[in-house]
Protein backbone atom coordinates (compact mmCIF):
# COMPACT_ATOMS: atom_id res chain seq x y z
CA UNK A 1 -32.90 -25.10 33.40
CA UNK A 2 -34.81 -22.23 33.28
CA UNK A 3 -35.73 -22.14 36.54
CA UNK A 4 -32.21 -21.49 38.47
CA UNK A 5 -30.44 -18.43 38.73
CA UNK A 6 -27.18 -20.85 39.04
CA UNK A 7 -24.29 -21.21 37.16
CA UNK A 8 -22.51 -23.44 39.19
CA UNK A 9 -26.08 -24.77 40.41
CA UNK A 10 -26.30 -26.62 37.16
CA UNK A 11 -22.95 -27.48 36.73
CA UNK A 12 -22.95 -29.97 40.11
CA UNK A 13 -26.34 -31.37 39.02
CA UNK A 14 -25.23 -32.09 35.50
CA UNK A 15 -22.05 -34.07 37.26
CA UNK A 16 -23.72 -36.21 39.83
CA UNK A 17 -26.35 -36.72 37.19
CA UNK A 18 -24.03 -37.89 34.43
CA UNK A 19 -20.91 -39.10 36.98
CA UNK A 20 -20.75 -42.35 34.95
CA UNK A 21 -20.81 -41.12 31.18
CA UNK A 22 -18.39 -39.17 29.42
CA UNK A 23 -17.30 -35.59 29.28
CA UNK A 24 -13.92 -34.75 28.08
CA UNK A 25 -12.11 -36.48 25.77
CA UNK A 26 -8.40 -35.42 23.30
CA UNK A 27 -8.75 -36.71 20.10
CA UNK A 28 -6.72 -39.79 19.73
CA UNK A 29 -6.00 -38.91 23.22
CA UNK A 30 -7.20 -40.12 26.86
CA UNK A 31 -11.23 -39.34 28.07
CA UNK A 32 -12.88 -38.12 31.45
CA UNK A 33 -15.64 -38.76 33.08
CA UNK A 34 -17.50 -36.13 34.77
CA UNK A 35 -16.77 -38.11 37.95
CA UNK A 36 -13.30 -37.49 37.39
CA UNK A 37 -13.38 -34.12 36.07
CA UNK A 38 -15.18 -33.94 39.18
CA UNK A 39 -12.26 -35.53 40.94
CA UNK A 40 -10.02 -33.14 39.42
CA UNK A 41 -11.96 -30.34 40.39
CA UNK A 42 -11.75 -31.02 44.00
CA UNK A 43 -7.92 -31.60 43.93
CA UNK A 44 -7.69 -27.80 42.13
CA UNK A 45 -9.52 -26.87 45.18
CA UNK A 46 -7.79 -28.10 47.96
CA UNK A 47 -4.66 -27.25 45.72
CA UNK A 48 -5.78 -23.60 45.68
CA UNK A 49 -6.98 -23.75 49.10
CA UNK A 50 -3.86 -24.78 50.42
CA UNK A 51 -1.86 -22.44 48.22
CA UNK A 52 -3.85 -19.52 49.94
CA UNK A 53 -5.77 -18.36 46.89
CA UNK A 54 -9.21 -16.43 47.97
CA UNK A 55 -12.37 -15.67 46.19
CA UNK A 56 -11.76 -13.09 43.39
CA UNK A 57 -8.51 -13.52 42.69
CA UNK A 58 -7.18 -13.75 39.29
CA UNK A 59 -6.28 -17.65 37.37
CA UNK A 60 -5.14 -17.53 34.02
CA UNK A 61 -5.60 -20.61 31.61
CA UNK A 62 -3.55 -20.21 28.30
CA UNK A 63 -3.30 -22.96 25.96
CA UNK A 64 -4.78 -25.24 23.14
CA UNK A 65 -8.59 -26.93 23.97
CA UNK A 66 -8.00 -29.25 26.15
CA UNK A 67 -10.06 -32.07 28.59
CA UNK A 68 -7.27 -30.63 31.48
CA UNK A 69 -7.90 -26.93 30.56
CA UNK A 70 -12.10 -27.34 31.02
CA UNK A 71 -11.07 -28.97 34.06
CA UNK A 72 -8.61 -26.48 35.35
CA UNK A 73 -11.70 -23.29 34.11
CA UNK A 74 -13.90 -25.53 35.99
CA UNK A 75 -12.36 -25.98 38.93
CA UNK A 76 -10.96 -22.28 39.21
CA UNK A 77 -14.86 -20.69 38.80
CA UNK A 78 -16.95 -23.42 41.36
CA UNK A 79 -13.79 -22.03 43.55
CA UNK A 80 -14.85 -18.38 44.24
CA UNK A 81 -11.79 -17.32 42.12
CA UNK A 82 -11.97 -15.69 38.59
CA UNK A 83 -11.69 -17.00 35.41
CA UNK A 84 -9.02 -15.51 32.73
CA UNK A 85 -9.16 -17.19 29.84
CA UNK A 86 -6.16 -16.31 27.35
CA UNK A 87 -6.33 -16.88 23.68
CA UNK A 88 -2.96 -19.67 22.67
CA UNK A 89 -2.65 -17.76 19.40
CA UNK A 90 -1.51 -14.45 21.49
CA UNK A 91 1.82 -13.64 21.18
CA UNK A 92 4.42 -14.00 24.31
CA UNK A 93 4.52 -10.26 25.07
CA UNK A 94 0.61 -10.25 24.94
CA UNK A 95 0.35 -12.56 27.19
CA UNK A 96 2.85 -11.32 29.89
CA UNK A 97 0.94 -8.29 29.18
CA UNK A 98 -2.65 -9.86 30.02
CA UNK A 99 -1.26 -11.71 33.39
CA UNK A 100 0.90 -8.61 34.62
CA UNK A 101 -2.58 -6.25 33.11
CA UNK A 102 -5.19 -9.25 35.34
CA UNK A 103 -3.46 -9.28 38.20
CA UNK A 104 -3.42 -12.97 38.03
CA UNK A 105 -1.57 -15.25 41.15
CA UNK A 106 -1.61 -17.86 39.15
CA UNK A 107 -0.65 -19.15 35.08
CA UNK A 108 -1.85 -23.19 33.66
CA UNK A 109 -0.26 -23.05 29.90
CA UNK A 110 -0.55 -25.39 27.60
CA UNK A 111 3.02 -27.36 26.90
CA UNK A 112 3.02 -26.20 23.59
CA UNK A 113 2.91 -22.49 24.28
CA UNK A 114 4.59 -22.13 27.71
CA UNK A 115 8.31 -22.74 25.84
CA UNK A 116 7.63 -19.42 23.85
CA UNK A 117 7.27 -17.55 27.43
CA UNK A 118 9.07 -15.59 29.68
CA UNK A 119 8.77 -16.37 33.70
CA UNK A 120 10.53 -13.64 34.50
CA UNK A 121 8.40 -11.49 32.42
CA UNK A 122 5.22 -12.48 35.11
CA UNK A 123 7.34 -11.31 37.91
CA UNK A 124 3.93 -11.08 40.30
CA UNK A 125 3.18 -14.38 39.27
CA UNK A 126 3.37 -17.05 42.47
CA UNK A 127 3.34 -20.08 40.22
CA UNK A 128 2.92 -21.09 37.04
CA UNK A 129 1.52 -24.88 36.41
CA UNK A 130 1.73 -27.41 32.93
CA UNK A 131 -1.56 -28.33 31.73
CA UNK A 132 -0.47 -31.83 30.80
CA UNK A 133 0.08 -33.50 33.44
CA UNK A 134 -0.60 -30.35 36.27
CA UNK A 135 3.27 -30.02 36.79
CA UNK A 136 4.34 -27.08 38.65
CA UNK A 137 7.04 -25.81 36.67
CA UNK A 138 7.41 -22.52 38.30
CA UNK A 139 6.66 -21.86 41.94
CA UNK A 140 7.12 -18.57 43.67
CA UNK A 141 5.31 -19.48 46.90
CA UNK A 142 6.63 -22.29 49.40
CA UNK A 143 2.59 -22.78 50.58
CA UNK A 144 1.91 -23.70 46.91
CA UNK A 145 5.31 -25.88 46.48
CA UNK A 146 4.31 -27.76 49.24
CA UNK A 147 0.31 -28.13 48.14
CA UNK A 148 1.31 -29.37 44.71
CA UNK A 149 3.51 -31.78 46.37
CA UNK A 150 1.14 -33.08 48.96
CA UNK A 151 -1.82 -32.71 47.27
CA UNK A 152 -2.78 -36.82 46.32
CA UNK A 153 -2.14 -36.73 50.39
CA UNK A 154 -4.39 -34.11 51.08
CA UNK A 155 -6.99 -35.38 48.81
CA UNK A 156 -6.67 -38.89 50.85
CA UNK A 157 -7.12 -37.46 53.74
CA UNK A 158 -10.48 -35.18 53.07
CA UNK A 159 -12.19 -38.06 51.30
CA UNK A 160 -10.56 -41.60 53.14
CA UNK A 161 -13.12 -44.18 51.46
CA UNK A 162 -14.26 -42.84 48.41
CA UNK A 163 -15.01 -39.68 46.46
CA UNK A 164 -18.62 -39.88 45.12
CA UNK A 165 -21.14 -37.93 43.46
CA UNK A 166 -23.02 -36.95 46.80
CA UNK A 167 -19.66 -35.13 47.62
CA UNK A 168 -19.93 -32.74 45.01
CA UNK A 169 -21.05 -29.73 46.48
CA UNK A 170 -20.09 -26.11 45.66
CA UNK A 171 -20.59 -22.78 46.48
CA UNK A 172 -23.68 -20.57 44.91
CA UNK A 173 -22.42 -17.08 43.25
CA UNK A 174 -24.09 -13.82 42.97
CA UNK A 175 -25.90 -12.73 39.58
CA UNK A 176 -23.10 -9.71 39.68
CA UNK A 177 -20.06 -11.48 40.80
CA UNK A 178 -17.05 -11.39 38.10
CA UNK A 179 -16.74 -14.68 36.66
CA UNK A 180 -14.06 -14.60 34.27
CA UNK A 181 -11.97 -11.27 32.38
CA UNK A 182 -12.07 -12.03 28.52
CA UNK A 183 -9.08 -10.43 26.92
CA UNK A 184 -10.60 -9.35 23.45
CA UNK A 185 -8.34 -10.66 19.85
CA UNK A 186 -8.76 -7.02 19.06
CA UNK A 187 -8.90 -5.71 15.59
CA UNK A 188 -7.73 -2.44 16.49
CA UNK A 189 -4.16 -4.04 17.84
CA UNK A 190 -4.51 -4.49 21.62
CA UNK A 191 -6.35 -5.95 24.11
CA UNK A 192 -9.26 -4.96 26.60
CA UNK A 193 -10.54 -7.02 29.62
CA UNK A 194 -14.05 -7.73 29.40
CA UNK A 195 -15.68 -8.66 32.61
CA UNK A 196 -18.18 -11.02 32.59
CA UNK A 197 -20.86 -11.73 34.91
CA UNK A 198 -22.42 -14.84 35.96
CA UNK A 199 -25.79 -13.38 35.11
CA UNK A 200 -24.40 -12.85 31.43
CA UNK A 201 -22.91 -16.27 31.28
CA UNK A 202 -26.38 -18.17 32.83
CA UNK A 203 -28.16 -16.10 30.25
CA UNK A 204 -26.51 -17.26 27.40
CA UNK A 205 -26.40 -20.45 28.59
CA UNK A 206 -30.21 -20.92 28.95
CA UNK A 207 -30.76 -19.31 25.58
CA UNK A 208 -28.86 -21.71 23.85
CA UNK A 209 -30.66 -24.68 25.88
CA UNK A 210 -33.83 -23.39 24.76
CA UNK A 211 -32.87 -23.33 20.40
CA UNK A 212 -30.13 -26.15 20.32
CA UNK A 213 -31.90 -29.15 22.67
CA UNK A 214 -28.58 -31.11 23.67
CA UNK A 215 -28.95 -34.41 25.52
CA UNK A 216 -26.77 -35.99 28.37
CA UNK A 217 -23.83 -38.62 25.96
CA UNK A 218 -24.32 -36.07 22.51
CA UNK A 219 -21.02 -35.11 21.07
CA UNK A 220 -20.48 -31.96 20.39
CA UNK A 221 -16.87 -31.87 18.87
CA UNK A 222 -15.25 -28.16 20.69
CA UNK A 223 -13.07 -26.45 17.56
CA UNK A 224 -13.52 -23.04 18.51
CA UNK A 225 -10.57 -21.62 20.94
CA UNK A 226 -11.61 -21.72 24.74
CA UNK A 227 -9.69 -18.60 25.47
CA UNK A 228 -12.42 -17.13 23.45
CA UNK A 229 -15.72 -16.15 24.87
CA UNK A 230 -17.91 -17.97 21.41
CA UNK A 231 -15.67 -21.14 22.36
CA UNK A 232 -15.92 -21.13 26.16
CA UNK A 233 -19.47 -20.98 26.37
CA UNK A 234 -21.32 -22.54 23.12
CA UNK A 235 -19.36 -25.35 23.07
CA UNK A 236 -17.69 -25.90 26.56
CA UNK A 237 -20.24 -24.32 29.25
CA UNK A 238 -23.19 -25.36 27.59
CA UNK A 239 -22.50 -29.06 26.65
CA UNK A 240 -21.33 -29.75 30.18
CA UNK A 241 -24.34 -27.95 31.90
CA UNK A 242 -26.50 -31.04 29.98
CA UNK A 243 -24.01 -33.42 30.22
CA UNK A 244 -22.74 -33.63 26.60
CA UNK A 245 -19.39 -35.24 25.60
CA UNK A 246 -17.09 -32.58 24.28
CA UNK A 247 -14.31 -33.88 21.98
CA UNK A 248 -10.63 -31.26 21.67
CA UNK A 249 -8.67 -32.26 18.53
CA UNK A 250 -6.19 -30.45 19.98
CA UNK A 251 -5.10 -29.20 16.75
CA UNK A 252 -5.82 -26.61 13.75
CA UNK A 253 -9.25 -27.94 11.88
CA UNK A 254 -7.73 -28.34 8.44
CA UNK A 255 -10.89 -29.84 6.06
CA UNK A 256 -8.73 -32.95 6.57
CA UNK A 257 -8.94 -33.40 9.87
CA UNK A 258 -12.34 -32.47 10.01
CA UNK A 259 -13.80 -34.81 7.51
CA UNK A 260 -11.26 -37.87 9.78
CA UNK A 261 -12.81 -37.06 13.04
CA UNK A 262 -16.28 -35.98 12.80
CA UNK A 263 -16.80 -39.32 10.70
CA UNK A 264 -15.57 -41.18 13.98
CA UNK A 265 -17.37 -38.67 16.82
CA UNK A 266 -20.53 -38.09 14.92
CA UNK A 267 -21.21 -34.55 16.42
CA UNK A 268 -24.87 -33.61 17.21
CA UNK A 269 -24.24 -29.92 17.05
CA UNK A 270 -21.34 -27.59 15.09
CA UNK A 271 -19.98 -23.93 16.13
CA UNK A 272 -17.18 -23.17 14.06
CA UNK A 273 -16.19 -19.62 12.20
CA UNK A 274 -17.50 -18.76 8.45
CA UNK A 275 -13.91 -19.49 6.91
CA UNK A 276 -13.95 -23.91 8.24
CA UNK A 277 -17.36 -23.95 6.47
CA UNK A 278 -16.36 -22.10 3.12
CA UNK A 279 -13.38 -23.66 2.95
CA UNK A 280 -14.59 -27.74 3.38
CA UNK A 281 -17.64 -26.85 0.52
CA UNK A 282 -14.66 -24.86 -1.66
CA UNK A 283 -12.42 -28.19 -1.48
CA UNK A 284 -14.90 -31.28 0.04
CA UNK A 285 -17.81 -30.52 -1.62
CA UNK A 286 -18.10 -28.20 -4.91
CA UNK A 287 -15.38 -30.43 -6.43
CA UNK A 288 -17.81 -33.54 -6.20
CA UNK A 289 -20.45 -31.39 -7.89
CA UNK A 290 -20.87 -31.46 -11.09
CA UNK A 291 -19.39 -28.22 -12.62
CA UNK A 292 -22.62 -27.30 -15.01
CA UNK A 293 -24.76 -28.80 -12.28
CA UNK A 294 -23.37 -26.38 -9.11
CA UNK A 295 -23.56 -23.44 -11.92
CA UNK A 296 -27.17 -24.26 -12.66
CA UNK A 297 -27.63 -24.55 -8.61
CA UNK A 298 -25.99 -21.36 -7.91
CA UNK A 299 -28.23 -19.67 -10.08
CA UNK A 300 -31.23 -20.94 -11.16
CA UNK A 301 -34.32 -20.93 -8.71
CA UNK A 302 -35.55 -24.56 -9.40
CA UNK A 303 -33.51 -27.83 -9.60
CA UNK A 304 -34.22 -31.48 -9.36
CA UNK A 305 -35.21 -32.06 -5.27
CA UNK A 306 -33.32 -35.18 -5.94
CA UNK A 307 -30.33 -33.57 -7.16
CA UNK A 308 -30.76 -31.16 -4.42
CA UNK A 309 -30.67 -34.26 -1.44
CA UNK A 310 -27.82 -35.93 -3.11
CA UNK A 311 -25.80 -32.84 -2.66
CA UNK A 312 -27.38 -32.57 1.02
CA UNK A 313 -26.71 -36.08 1.15
CA UNK A 314 -22.61 -35.51 1.07
CA UNK A 315 -22.80 -32.39 2.68
CA UNK A 316 -23.76 -33.65 5.99
CA UNK A 317 -21.79 -36.21 5.84
CA UNK A 318 -18.76 -34.78 5.33
CA UNK A 319 -19.61 -33.20 8.64
CA UNK A 320 -20.58 -36.42 10.29
CA UNK A 321 -24.00 -36.82 9.89
CA UNK A 322 -25.93 -36.83 12.26
CA UNK A 323 -25.69 -32.90 13.95
CA UNK A 324 -29.13 -31.18 14.35
CA UNK A 325 -27.20 -28.00 13.00
CA UNK A 326 -23.86 -26.25 12.32
CA UNK A 327 -24.15 -22.73 13.91
CA UNK A 328 -21.75 -20.04 11.97
CA UNK A 329 -20.59 -17.24 14.12
CA UNK A 330 -17.10 -14.61 15.01
CA UNK A 331 -17.33 -13.56 11.92
CA UNK A 332 -19.87 -12.67 8.45
CA UNK A 333 -20.73 -15.24 6.04
CA UNK A 334 -20.05 -15.36 2.40
CA UNK A 335 -23.54 -14.47 0.95
CA UNK A 336 -23.29 -16.77 -2.03
CA UNK A 337 -22.00 -19.87 0.08
CA UNK A 338 -25.14 -19.19 2.22
CA UNK A 339 -27.32 -19.20 -1.14
CA UNK A 340 -26.23 -22.31 -2.16
CA UNK A 341 -26.88 -24.35 1.52
CA UNK A 342 -30.15 -22.52 2.03
CA UNK A 343 -30.77 -23.86 -1.83
CA UNK A 344 -29.89 -27.51 -0.54
CA UNK A 345 -31.07 -26.96 2.66
CA UNK A 346 -28.43 -27.79 4.81
CA UNK A 347 -29.12 -27.25 8.16
CA UNK A 348 -26.93 -23.88 9.34
CA UNK A 349 -27.63 -20.96 11.71
CA UNK A 350 -26.07 -17.76 12.26
CA UNK A 351 -24.43 -16.55 15.90
CA UNK A 352 -24.02 -12.93 15.94
CA UNK A 353 -22.25 -11.37 19.44
CA UNK A 354 -19.15 -10.12 20.60
CA UNK A 355 -17.10 -11.15 23.93
CA UNK A 356 -18.56 -7.77 25.53
CA UNK A 357 -22.09 -9.51 25.33
CA UNK A 358 -21.31 -13.51 26.81
CA UNK A 359 -21.17 -13.27 23.34
CA UNK A 360 -24.81 -13.53 22.16
CA UNK A 361 -26.68 -10.76 20.71
CA UNK A 362 -28.82 -12.40 17.63
CA UNK A 363 -29.16 -16.31 17.25
CA UNK A 364 -32.27 -17.87 15.74
CA UNK A 365 -32.34 -22.07 15.04
CA UNK A 366 -32.07 -22.91 11.34
CA UNK A 367 -35.19 -23.78 10.14
CA UNK A 368 -36.19 -20.04 11.38
CA UNK A 369 -33.40 -17.79 10.42
CA UNK A 370 -33.51 -15.91 6.97
CA UNK A 371 -30.71 -15.55 4.44
CA UNK A 372 -28.10 -13.02 4.90
CA UNK A 373 -30.02 -12.30 8.90
CA UNK A 374 -27.74 -13.22 11.68
CA UNK A 375 -31.55 -14.39 13.41
CA UNK A 376 -33.38 -12.42 15.99
CA UNK A 377 -32.54 -11.39 19.55
CA UNK A 378 -31.68 -13.71 22.16
CA UNK A 379 -33.66 -14.02 25.37
CA UNK A 380 -33.17 -10.97 27.80
CA UNK A 381 -31.64 -8.70 25.52
CA UNK A 382 -32.99 -5.87 23.41
CA UNK A 383 -31.87 -4.53 20.39
CA UNK A 384 -32.53 -1.42 18.11
CA UNK A 385 -30.52 0.03 15.45
CA UNK A 386 -29.53 3.95 15.34
CA UNK A 387 -30.96 5.39 12.33
CA UNK A 388 -33.56 7.25 10.96
CA UNK A 389 -35.14 4.34 9.08
CA UNK A 390 -33.90 1.77 10.76
CA UNK A 391 -35.24 -0.77 8.23
CA UNK A 392 -33.55 0.33 5.21
CA UNK A 393 -30.76 2.46 5.98
CA UNK A 394 -28.16 1.44 8.07
CA UNK A 395 -26.98 2.61 11.80
CA UNK A 396 -25.11 1.31 14.05
CA UNK A 397 -26.63 -1.66 16.35
CA UNK A 398 -26.81 -1.33 20.00
CA UNK A 399 -27.80 -3.64 22.58
CA UNK A 400 -28.87 -4.28 26.60
CA UNK A 401 -29.85 -6.78 28.77
CA UNK A 402 -28.32 -9.54 31.07
CA UNK A 403 -25.56 -10.59 28.60
CA UNK A 404 -24.30 -7.40 28.71
CA UNK A 405 -20.29 -7.36 30.11
CA UNK A 406 -19.65 -4.83 34.06
CA UNK A 407 -17.16 -3.49 31.83
CA UNK A 408 -13.16 -3.52 30.80
CA UNK A 409 -11.13 -4.40 33.34
CA UNK A 410 -8.95 -0.96 34.60
CA UNK A 411 -10.60 1.05 31.92
CA UNK A 412 -13.13 3.18 33.03
CA UNK A 413 -12.75 5.58 29.85
CA UNK A 414 -13.32 3.06 26.88
CA UNK A 415 -16.06 1.30 29.50
CA UNK A 416 -18.03 4.77 29.14
CA UNK A 417 -17.07 4.40 24.78
CA UNK A 418 -18.93 0.89 25.16
CA UNK A 419 -21.32 1.72 26.91
CA UNK A 420 -24.15 4.69 27.25
CA UNK A 421 -25.97 6.41 30.16
CA UNK A 422 -28.61 4.11 29.80
CA UNK A 423 -27.30 1.24 29.62
CA UNK A 424 -26.83 0.43 25.63
CA UNK A 425 -23.88 -1.59 24.66
CA UNK A 426 -22.27 -0.08 21.00
CA UNK A 427 -21.54 -2.99 18.99
CA UNK A 428 -19.21 -0.49 16.37
CA UNK A 429 -21.42 -2.81 13.89
CA UNK A 430 -23.63 -1.14 11.29
CA UNK A 431 -27.06 -2.96 10.34
CA UNK A 432 -30.57 -2.97 9.30
CA UNK A 433 -33.99 -4.94 11.63
CA UNK A 434 -37.21 -5.47 9.38
CA UNK A 435 -40.08 -5.73 11.25
CA UNK A 436 -40.49 -9.26 12.23
CA UNK A 437 -37.28 -8.71 14.23
CA UNK A 438 -34.47 -9.81 11.96
CA UNK A 439 -31.27 -8.55 12.09
CA UNK A 440 -28.84 -8.26 8.86
CA UNK A 441 -25.25 -6.36 9.38
CA UNK A 442 -23.59 -4.60 7.03
CA UNK A 443 -20.33 -3.98 8.21
CA UNK A 444 -17.70 -2.84 10.58
CA UNK A 445 -19.19 0.94 11.70
CA UNK A 446 -15.48 1.32 11.60
CA UNK A 447 -14.56 -0.10 8.45
CA UNK A 448 -16.56 1.79 6.49
CA UNK A 449 -15.52 3.88 3.66
CA UNK A 450 -15.94 7.16 2.80
CA UNK A 451 -15.69 8.20 -0.39
CA UNK A 452 -15.01 11.84 -1.62
CA UNK A 453 -18.47 12.11 -3.58
CA UNK A 454 -19.91 11.01 0.27
CA UNK A 455 -20.77 7.31 -0.89
CA UNK A 456 -20.91 5.01 2.03
CA UNK A 457 -19.19 1.10 0.75
CA UNK A 458 -19.18 -1.56 3.03
CA UNK A 459 -15.89 -3.41 2.00
CA UNK A 460 -17.50 -6.54 3.82
CA UNK A 461 -19.98 -7.15 1.09
CA UNK A 462 -17.59 -6.44 -1.90
CA UNK A 463 -14.64 -8.74 -0.61
CA UNK A 464 -17.67 -11.45 0.18
CA UNK A 465 -18.41 -11.41 -4.08
CA UNK A 466 -14.71 -11.26 -4.88
CA UNK A 467 -13.48 -14.17 -2.27
CA UNK A 468 -15.87 -16.86 -4.52
CA UNK A 469 -14.30 -16.13 -7.75
CA UNK A 470 -11.78 -18.15 -9.04
CA UNK A 471 -7.82 -18.49 -8.22
CA UNK A 472 -9.05 -16.30 -4.39
CA UNK A 473 -8.10 -17.14 -1.65
CA UNK A 474 -9.33 -14.08 0.45
CA UNK A 475 -9.06 -10.20 -0.43
CA UNK A 476 -9.15 -7.00 1.38
CA UNK A 477 -10.67 -3.27 0.30
CA UNK A 478 -9.28 -0.61 1.03
CA UNK A 479 -9.34 3.16 0.08
CA UNK A 480 -6.32 4.85 -1.47
CA UNK A 481 -6.83 8.49 -1.84
CA UNK A 482 -10.49 8.16 -3.65
CA UNK A 483 -9.92 5.04 -5.20
CA UNK A 484 -10.86 1.80 -4.36
CA UNK A 485 -8.17 -1.39 -4.53
CA UNK A 486 -8.48 -5.17 -3.38
CA UNK A 487 -5.46 -6.78 -2.00
CA UNK A 488 -5.78 -10.96 -3.13
CA UNK A 489 -4.16 -13.30 -1.03
CA UNK A 490 -4.01 -15.55 -4.38
CA UNK A 491 -4.75 -19.64 -4.15
CA UNK A 492 -1.92 -20.36 -5.67
CA UNK A 493 -2.19 -23.80 -5.29
CA UNK A 494 -4.57 -24.29 -7.94
CA UNK A 495 -2.52 -22.18 -9.64
CA UNK A 496 -0.19 -24.22 -9.93
CA UNK A 497 -2.70 -27.33 -10.49
CA UNK A 498 -3.83 -25.57 -13.49
CA UNK A 499 0.05 -24.85 -14.87
CA UNK A 500 -0.04 -20.83 -14.55
CA UNK A 501 2.99 -18.50 -14.45
CA UNK A 502 2.16 -15.27 -12.60
CA UNK A 503 1.87 -14.10 -15.59
CA UNK A 504 -1.28 -16.05 -16.12
CA UNK A 505 -2.59 -15.70 -12.89
CA UNK A 506 -2.21 -11.68 -13.11
CA UNK A 507 -4.20 -11.84 -16.18
CA UNK A 508 -7.06 -13.74 -14.53
CA UNK A 509 -7.12 -11.94 -11.20
CA UNK A 510 -7.99 -8.86 -13.57
CA UNK A 511 -10.89 -10.75 -15.75
CA UNK A 512 -12.38 -10.95 -12.07
CA UNK A 513 -11.60 -7.34 -11.42
CA UNK A 514 -13.52 -6.80 -14.27
CA UNK A 515 -16.31 -9.57 -14.26
CA UNK A 516 -16.30 -7.92 -10.40
CA UNK A 517 -17.25 -4.51 -11.40
CA UNK A 518 -19.78 -5.82 -13.40
CA UNK A 519 -21.99 -6.64 -10.12
CA UNK A 520 -21.04 -3.46 -8.61
CA UNK A 521 -22.52 -0.01 -8.70
CA UNK A 522 -20.26 2.95 -10.44
CA UNK A 523 -19.20 4.60 -6.93
CA UNK A 524 -17.94 0.73 -5.76
CA UNK A 525 -16.02 -0.03 -9.05
CA UNK A 526 -12.75 -1.67 -7.77
CA UNK A 527 -9.93 0.48 -9.85
CA UNK A 528 -7.56 -2.29 -9.44
CA UNK A 529 -5.81 -5.80 -7.91
CA UNK A 530 -2.67 -6.22 -5.61
CA UNK A 531 -1.61 -9.56 -5.13
CA UNK A 532 -0.40 -9.82 -1.69
CA UNK A 533 2.37 -13.05 -0.71
CA UNK A 534 1.18 -14.05 2.51
CA UNK A 535 -1.91 -15.05 4.37
CA UNK A 536 -3.57 -12.03 5.92
CA UNK A 537 -2.95 -11.64 9.90
CA UNK A 538 -5.86 -12.59 11.93
CA UNK A 539 -8.03 -12.99 15.05
CA UNK A 540 -8.87 -15.93 16.54
CA UNK A 541 -12.42 -15.17 15.61
CA UNK A 542 -10.64 -15.29 12.04
CA UNK A 543 -11.21 -11.53 10.71
CA UNK A 544 -8.73 -9.60 9.11
CA UNK A 545 -6.78 -7.27 11.06
CA UNK A 546 -7.66 -4.37 8.71
CA UNK A 547 -5.42 -1.94 10.80
CA UNK A 548 -2.23 -3.58 9.44
CA UNK A 549 -3.13 -2.90 5.70
CA UNK A 550 -4.57 0.25 5.55
CA UNK A 551 -1.10 2.22 4.71
CA UNK A 552 -0.35 0.28 1.63
CA UNK A 553 -0.30 2.32 -1.23
CA UNK A 554 -1.58 2.53 -4.74
């Protein structure tokens, strides 16, 4: 894998080599083998050719993870078009804007999201194809209509005998060629189109190949949305290049669905956001551990190896019991949950990055990573911390190298703000970097709270402690005047189970505040906790959209 500079070549070779292996399965649904995927790719090429799609034209995809979504994506890039994956969780007006801004000629859409869209709001599209059965639901082109109606006939003409592995022959891309425009989920309220060249994607794939080590036929559950670059590259594109069998849950990955599906699928590698791991440990694993023992595990350095092994085995089984490691990324990981995992020797690791790096900046194997670190700088990249003392004083983390984007689509001003004149991509994250090269993220630059006394406060560190306290689902720390206030979305289900009314719940949360302040320095004490009535609005990476909550008054 390290000897090739062509992503398309890797895909072609994998399809040929793994022709008769299972490639993609919609959980509780149909399975495509690699030869079936190749056939769909070939039909996609015929459709594009007859519809007049040219190299470099934009093709948008918006839908839940599915086998047909992935086959379509592969058809787009191997043809020479530019893929524009759009998060299915985006609201309709945002999808309309992205389709228009990207100048997409066609849109492939999932049936569950299509009903919310308005084709009149996307006037430049030549056609809209529904992903479930590839039905042409909107056509503004006679060529496209003809191509779709006669697709099987044209395929038969081109391959009158049988479509075989030796018929799979794709183009070769240039390293700087645009492969994907991925629109950020945006914690700042609007999306930017990140232009990712082929070199950035293959650089990530080569690094993952070195560090993870999947084999042909290994099962991978694709939980992260394919409209986001972490899931697109780490699960899907990497998985396809090694001949893995990708499974799509086609629904929200709740702890119940994960427990059911993972027991059947027994995946070899699991990539997910921290929220999923934290919820599963809170709901499925910790309740099985005696409360006194749980407290001992969290607080004492020495606990019986036999007891730790029992808990580790239980935890492994919840995730299918067959995985090499769980890769956690997309948002900060709770340090107390991480401490628990380390005590039981649970194989987790952290991947840190951003869409603009396609996505990896830091990543280490689970047996190499340091506590609360996001690992070391990945292959083909360099990093530095903009600080007078990078090992002790946090500064902005910047990076440059093969993974970095070309820029933001049709937005030179934003590109100039993100990538400086020396090629350094500014992450917007505050970090320190130790002598061994381990990087520790402290928080977002823009999230840092500056008090009147000049103290820098990283709210994520306070929130991580608060989120582990009784009756707290999630929290958000804001600065009102010169006072720190915590907004808490409470665990009403747990409170109800314990027979608590609103007044009793507020009293319990106030106890949390008192206990929390005992752990915090004087300058970062929480003055008040305000209960919030609903879950905080989040991006697809499950990061809270903080900008929505900054104007809440004390």
